[in-house]
Amino acid sequence: MSDLSTQKRKLRQEMLSLRQTLPLEPLNISLFLDTPELMQARSIAAYWPMKGELDIRPLFLALEAQGKDCALPVVIEKDAPLVFRRWKAGEELVEGKYGTQHPKDGGLMVPDLLLVPLLAFDTDGGRLGFGGGYYDRTLCQMTAVRVGMAFDEQQVDRVPMDGYDQKMDWIVTPTRVIRCQ
């Protein structure tokens, strides 16, 4: 195992343990709702929180109420990019691979803006995920604005990254919006 892989694995374990101890602090959605990029986006893909991830459902519902087309990610197969299925509040969700929740039905969509769950982040836009590479494979094919979602405590000085790892344009935490690039 390479030094970089070891660093990532260690940081993942550390952040998963940390996240289990964090209080479920609500996201201050007003920090983010008035940003020009969000107001201009017509289609937004998010995630349904799991395993202690920042709960963005109130934000997602507020975006839908503003008339945005909303979608959730779906893992189609191992080592493939994610796809995004349209979803509206109240529509049925089913369990997907790795314990995710996604729409049972719903047309596919390519989002203008993508909300991405993070295990760790740095202020340069570095992100650490679960390690499956799904978001990295997806993001390298998209022009969407990339917004990482995490708790403030998940910030580190530097996320170990290689050329395959995709950076975020912004990071949003319960208390702040960080423009990275």
Protein backbone atom coordinates (compact mmCIF):
# COMPACT_ATOMS: atom_id res chain seq x y z
CA MET A 1 0.00 0.00 0.00
CA SER A 2 1.43 3.40 -0.97
CA ASP A 3 2.15 6.13 1.54
CA LEU A 4 -0.70 8.21 0.10
CA SER A 5 -3.15 5.31 0.42
CA THR A 6 -2.04 4.78 4.01
CA GLN A 7 -2.53 8.48 4.79
CA LYS A 8 -6.02 8.45 3.26
CA ARG A 9 -7.03 5.25 5.08
CA LYS A 10 -5.81 6.64 8.42
CA LEU A 11 -7.61 9.97 7.90
CA ARG A 12 -10.82 8.15 6.89
CA GLN A 13 -10.77 6.10 10.08
CA GLU A 14 -10.05 9.21 12.15
CA MET A 15 -12.86 11.22 10.55
CA LEU A 16 -15.42 8.40 10.74
CA SER A 17 -14.67 8.10 14.47
CA LEU A 18 -14.84 11.87 14.93
CA ARG A 19 -18.14 12.13 13.08
CA GLN A 20 -19.71 9.62 15.49
CA THR A 21 -19.00 12.04 18.37
CA LEU A 22 -20.26 15.24 16.75
CA PRO A 23 -23.58 16.73 17.80
CA LEU A 24 -26.06 16.89 14.94
CA GLU A 25 -25.64 20.61 14.38
CA PRO A 26 -28.17 22.00 11.91
CA LEU A 27 -27.04 23.63 8.71
CA ASN A 28 -27.68 27.38 8.57
CA ILE A 29 -29.22 27.28 5.10
CA SER A 30 -29.49 31.09 4.85
CA LEU A 31 -25.67 31.22 4.51
CA PHE A 32 -25.94 29.39 1.24
CA LEU A 33 -29.37 30.17 -0.27
CA ASP A 34 -28.48 33.70 -1.41
CA THR A 35 -25.23 32.91 -3.22
CA PRO A 36 -25.32 33.91 -6.91
CA GLU A 37 -24.18 30.47 -8.11
CA LEU A 38 -26.95 28.74 -6.22
CA MET A 39 -29.57 31.22 -7.42
CA GLN A 40 -28.44 30.68 -11.05
CA ALA A 41 -28.41 26.88 -10.86
CA ARG A 42 -31.54 25.30 -12.33
CA SER A 43 -30.74 21.70 -11.42
CA ILE A 44 -29.17 20.53 -8.19
CA ALA A 45 -28.06 17.08 -7.11
CA ALA A 46 -27.57 16.34 -3.45
CA TYR A 47 -27.32 13.29 -1.20
CA TRP A 48 -29.54 11.68 1.39
CA PRO A 49 -27.46 11.76 4.62
CA MET A 50 -26.16 8.55 6.17
CA LYS A 51 -23.54 7.48 8.72
CA GLY A 52 -23.39 10.84 10.49
CA GLU A 53 -23.11 13.00 7.36
CA LEU A 54 -24.22 16.62 7.57
CA ASP A 55 -28.02 16.64 7.20
CA ILE A 56 -28.74 18.76 4.16
CA ARG A 57 -32.37 17.71 3.77
CA PRO A 58 -33.76 21.12 4.92
CA LEU A 59 -31.58 22.84 2.32
CA PHE A 60 -32.60 20.36 -0.36
CA LEU A 61 -36.30 20.91 0.42
CA ALA A 62 -35.82 24.71 0.38
CA LEU A 63 -34.20 24.45 -3.05
CA GLU A 64 -37.09 22.36 -4.34
CA ALA A 65 -39.52 24.96 -2.95
CA GLN A 66 -37.64 27.59 -4.99
CA GLY A 67 -38.47 25.62 -8.13
CA LYS A 68 -35.08 23.95 -8.62
CA ASP A 69 -34.97 20.55 -10.32
CA CYS A 70 -33.55 18.22 -7.67
CA ALA A 71 -31.92 14.82 -7.92
CA LEU A 72 -30.17 12.21 -5.82
CA PRO A 73 -27.17 10.05 -6.82
CA VAL A 74 -27.47 6.40 -7.77
CA VAL A 75 -24.65 3.86 -7.84
CA ILE A 76 -25.27 1.85 -11.00
CA GLU A 77 -22.22 -0.41 -10.84
CA LYS A 78 -18.82 -0.70 -9.21
CA ASP A 79 -16.11 1.53 -10.69
CA ALA A 80 -18.62 3.58 -12.71
CA PRO A 81 -19.64 7.23 -12.32
CA LEU A 82 -22.80 8.08 -10.42
CA VAL A 83 -26.02 8.97 -12.23
CA PHE A 84 -28.60 11.37 -10.83
CA ARG A 85 -32.34 10.64 -10.70
CA ARG A 86 -34.87 13.42 -10.34
CA TRP A 87 -36.63 13.50 -6.98
CA LYS A 88 -39.40 15.55 -5.33
CA ALA A 89 -40.25 15.66 -1.65
CA GLY A 90 -42.58 12.83 -0.70
CA GLU A 91 -41.55 10.51 -3.52
CA GLU A 92 -40.44 7.05 -2.48
CA LEU A 93 -36.77 6.37 -1.81
CA VAL A 94 -35.25 2.90 -1.94
CA GLU A 95 -32.06 1.57 -0.44
CA GLY A 96 -29.15 1.44 -2.83
CA LYS A 97 -25.65 0.08 -2.63
CA TYR A 98 -23.63 0.94 0.47
CA GLY A 99 -26.76 1.98 2.40
CA THR A 100 -27.56 4.99 0.20
CA GLN A 101 -31.11 6.18 -0.45
CA HIS A 102 -32.21 7.14 -3.92
CA PRO A 103 -35.41 7.57 -5.94
CA LYS A 104 -37.11 4.36 -6.98
CA ASP A 105 -38.01 5.95 -10.27
CA GLY A 106 -37.25 9.31 -11.80
CA GLY A 107 -35.66 10.51 -14.98
CA LEU A 108 -31.95 11.10 -15.22
CA MET A 109 -30.56 14.60 -14.87
CA VAL A 110 -27.19 16.32 -15.28
CA PRO A 111 -26.98 18.89 -12.46
CA ASP A 112 -25.67 22.47 -12.65
CA LEU A 113 -24.65 22.26 -9.00
CA LEU A 114 -23.69 19.22 -6.95
CA LEU A 115 -23.75 18.90 -3.14
CA VAL A 116 -21.13 16.33 -2.10
CA PRO A 117 -20.74 14.70 1.33
CA LEU A 118 -17.25 14.91 2.83
CA LEU A 119 -15.30 12.98 5.45
CA ALA A 120 -12.55 15.62 5.54
CA PHE A 121 -11.75 18.84 3.70
CA ASP A 122 -9.19 21.61 3.46
CA THR A 123 -9.71 25.25 2.46
CA ASP A 124 -8.10 24.65 -0.95
CA GLY A 125 -11.05 22.42 -1.89
CA GLY A 126 -9.40 19.10 -1.10
CA ARG A 127 -11.93 16.44 -0.12
CA LEU A 128 -11.80 13.00 1.31
CA GLY A 129 -14.72 10.65 0.75
CA PHE A 130 -15.37 7.02 1.62
CA GLY A 131 -12.76 5.78 -0.85
CA GLY A 132 -14.89 4.18 -3.54
CA GLY A 133 -14.02 6.88 -6.10
CA TYR A 134 -17.64 7.34 -7.21
CA TYR A 135 -17.68 11.12 -6.81
CA ASP A 136 -14.19 11.50 -8.32
CA ARG A 137 -15.22 9.48 -11.42
CA THR A 138 -18.40 11.55 -11.67
CA LEU A 139 -16.88 14.99 -11.08
CA CYS A 140 -14.12 14.58 -13.66
CA GLN A 141 -16.87 14.30 -16.32
CA MET A 142 -18.99 17.25 -15.16
CA THR A 143 -18.90 21.03 -15.30
CA ALA A 144 -21.25 21.43 -12.32
CA VAL A 145 -20.35 23.72 -9.43
CA ARG A 146 -18.93 21.39 -6.75
CA VAL A 147 -20.03 22.08 -3.19
CA GLY A 148 -18.65 19.94 -0.38
CA MET A 149 -20.84 19.58 2.71
CA ALA A 150 -19.27 18.85 6.11
CA PHE A 151 -19.09 19.79 9.77
CA ASP A 152 -16.52 22.45 10.77
CA GLU A 153 -14.65 19.83 12.80
CA GLN A 154 -13.90 17.85 9.63
CA GLN A 155 -11.46 20.50 8.40
CA VAL A 156 -7.81 19.45 8.23
CA ASP A 157 -4.70 21.36 7.19
CA ARG A 158 -4.26 19.34 4.02
CA VAL A 159 -6.20 16.43 2.55
CA PRO A 160 -3.86 13.85 0.98
CA MET A 161 -4.67 13.86 -2.74
CA ASP A 162 -3.37 12.55 -6.04
CA GLY A 163 -4.15 13.55 -9.64
CA TYR A 164 -7.31 11.44 -9.67
CA ASP A 165 -8.90 13.23 -6.69
CA GLN A 166 -11.32 16.01 -7.58
CA LYS A 167 -11.43 19.32 -5.67
CA MET A 168 -14.48 21.24 -4.51
CA ASP A 169 -15.31 24.80 -5.60
CA TRP A 170 -16.87 25.55 -2.21
CA ILE A 171 -17.18 23.96 1.18
CA VAL A 172 -20.33 24.58 3.24
CA THR A 173 -20.43 23.84 6.97
CA PRO A 174 -23.11 24.64 9.55
CA THR A 175 -21.41 28.00 10.21
CA ARG A 176 -19.71 29.15 7.00
CA VAL A 177 -19.29 29.05 3.25
CA ILE A 178 -15.70 28.72 2.00
CA ARG A 179 -14.95 29.61 -1.62
CA CYS A 180 -12.00 27.41 -2.51
CA GLN A 181 -10.83 28.26 -6.00
